[in-house]
Amino acid sequence: QLQLVESGGGLVQPGGSLRLSCVSSGFVLDYYAIGWFRQDPGKEREGVSCISSSGGMTNYADSVKGQFTISRDKNTVYLQMNNLKPENTAIYYCAAVVHGSVCYDGVRWYGYWGQGTQVTVSS
């Protein structure tokens, strides 16, 4: 079974930047489309961005277009987060599409999830 691990979160001041990473334990990631999601306590998990297995196609939530950038190499998927705002505070998860190499809109399409990494934006 594919296991994913996120890293790179932390406490950052408004306007700062972070780069999140998503890696696999025991499997390469180039077969899977990978999405980034975020969730605050008591709130619904929402999609942030996604990248196809080839890296040729990317999707972004309207709220982060122009602010976040997703990219990948063979073993790692990244989420570059710039100009961070308090509203970006959440636990960020990476997830893999179970069947298919392209991105889908909706949590139900993603079967493999990491444990999450906390991003806190505060002055």
Protein backbone atom coordinates (compact mmCIF):
# COMPACT_ATOMS: atom_id res chain seq x y z
CA GLN A 1 0.00 0.00 0.00
CA LEU A 2 1.22 3.46 -0.87
CA GLN A 3 2.21 5.52 2.19
CA LEU A 4 2.65 9.26 1.99
CA VAL A 5 4.45 11.62 4.35
CA GLU A 6 4.19 15.41 4.35
CA SER A 7 6.76 17.81 5.74
CA GLY A 8 7.70 21.48 5.62
CA GLY A 9 4.96 23.02 7.72
CA GLY A 10 5.51 25.35 10.61
CA LEU A 11 4.82 28.78 12.06
CA VAL A 12 5.32 31.69 9.70
CA GLN A 13 4.48 35.40 9.77
CA PRO A 14 2.01 36.88 7.30
CA GLY A 15 3.71 37.49 3.98
CA GLY A 16 6.18 34.68 4.50
CA SER A 17 6.71 31.54 2.46
CA LEU A 18 6.84 27.80 3.02
CA ARG A 19 7.49 24.84 0.78
CA LEU A 20 5.67 21.63 1.62
CA SER A 21 6.93 18.26 0.45
CA CYS A 22 5.14 14.95 -0.06
CA VAL A 23 7.15 11.75 -0.33
CA SER A 24 6.35 8.05 -0.58
CA SER A 25 7.67 5.28 1.63
CA GLY A 26 8.53 2.29 -0.52
CA PHE A 27 6.87 3.38 -3.77
CA VAL A 28 7.70 5.95 -6.39
CA LEU A 29 5.12 8.68 -6.91
CA ASP A 30 5.41 9.14 -10.66
CA TYR A 31 2.52 6.75 -11.30
CA TYR A 32 0.01 8.86 -9.38
CA ALA A 33 -1.68 12.17 -9.70
CA ILE A 34 -1.12 13.92 -6.35
CA GLY A 35 -3.35 16.47 -4.68
CA TRP A 36 -2.88 18.83 -1.76
CA PHE A 37 -5.76 19.39 0.66
CA ARG A 38 -6.15 21.41 3.83
CA GLN A 39 -8.38 21.28 6.88
CA ASP A 40 -8.91 23.36 10.00
CA PRO A 41 -10.32 21.71 13.15
CA GLY A 42 -14.06 21.24 12.86
CA LYS A 43 -14.12 22.32 9.22
CA GLU A 44 -14.49 20.45 5.96
CA ARG A 45 -11.39 19.29 4.13
CA GLU A 46 -10.91 21.21 0.91
CA GLY A 47 -8.79 20.77 -2.17
CA VAL A 48 -5.92 23.18 -2.70
CA SER A 49 -4.03 21.93 -5.75
CA CYS A 50 -3.30 18.85 -7.82
CA ILE A 51 -0.70 17.72 -10.33
CA SER A 52 -0.93 14.93 -12.89
CA SER A 53 1.48 12.01 -12.79
CA SER A 54 3.49 13.47 -15.64
CA GLY A 55 3.53 16.92 -14.12
CA GLY A 56 2.10 18.32 -17.32
CA MET A 57 -1.22 19.44 -15.89
CA THR A 58 -1.89 21.33 -12.66
CA ASN A 59 -5.04 22.52 -10.91
CA TYR A 60 -5.52 25.17 -8.23
CA ALA A 61 -8.36 26.27 -6.04
CA ASP A 62 -9.46 29.77 -6.94
CA SER A 63 -8.45 31.00 -3.50
CA VAL A 64 -4.75 30.16 -4.03
CA LYS A 65 -4.23 30.88 -7.73
CA GLY A 66 -1.17 33.05 -8.13
CA GLN A 67 -0.14 32.37 -4.54
CA PHE A 68 0.68 28.64 -4.44
CA THR A 69 2.62 26.57 -6.97
CA ILE A 70 2.62 22.78 -7.23
CA SER A 71 5.47 20.83 -8.81
CA ARG A 72 7.02 17.38 -8.76
CA ASP A 73 9.94 15.18 -9.59
CA LYS A 74 10.07 11.38 -9.62
CA ASN A 75 9.77 10.88 -5.87
CA THR A 76 8.51 14.13 -4.38
CA VAL A 77 5.59 16.51 -4.85
CA TYR A 78 5.98 20.09 -3.65
CA LEU A 79 3.65 22.91 -2.76
CA GLN A 80 5.33 26.31 -2.76
CA MET A 81 3.28 28.69 -0.64
CA ASN A 82 4.05 32.39 -0.99
CA ASN A 83 2.58 35.54 0.54
CA LEU A 84 1.00 33.51 3.30
CA LYS A 85 -2.04 34.88 5.10
CA PRO A 86 -3.73 33.88 8.36
CA GLU A 87 -6.57 32.33 6.34
CA ASN A 88 -4.05 29.80 4.99
CA THR A 89 -3.66 28.30 8.46
CA ALA A 90 -4.61 24.62 8.38
CA ILE A 91 -3.30 21.10 8.39
CA TYR A 92 -2.13 20.31 4.88
CA TYR A 93 -2.39 16.80 3.46
CA CYS A 94 -1.13 15.21 0.29
CA ALA A 95 -3.10 12.42 -1.33
CA ALA A 96 -2.87 10.15 -4.35
CA VAL A 97 -5.54 9.33 -6.89
CA VAL A 98 -6.14 5.57 -6.67
CA HIS A 99 -7.05 4.87 -10.28
CA GLY A 100 -5.69 7.14 -12.92
CA SER A 101 -2.89 9.54 -13.56
CA VAL A 102 -4.95 12.72 -13.86
CA CYS A 103 -6.45 15.02 -11.27
CA TYR A 104 -10.05 14.87 -10.10
CA ASP A 105 -12.08 17.37 -8.15
CA GLY A 106 -13.26 15.78 -4.91
CA VAL A 107 -11.88 13.98 -1.88
CA ARG A 108 -13.58 10.74 -2.92
CA TRP A 109 -11.13 10.21 -5.78
CA TYR A 110 -8.10 10.08 -3.49
CA GLY A 111 -7.43 6.83 -1.68
CA TYR A 112 -3.97 7.32 -0.15
CA TRP A 113 -3.34 10.07 2.40
CA GLY A 114 -0.45 11.37 4.43
CA GLN A 115 -0.63 12.26 8.12
CA GLY A 116 -0.67 15.99 7.48
CA THR A 117 1.64 18.87 8.30
CA GLN A 118 0.55 21.93 10.27
CA VAL A 119 0.83 25.37 8.70
CA THR A 120 0.20 28.31 11.03
CA VAL A 121 0.31 31.88 9.74
CA SER A 122 0.31 34.39 12.58
CA SER A 123 2.07 37.55 13.67
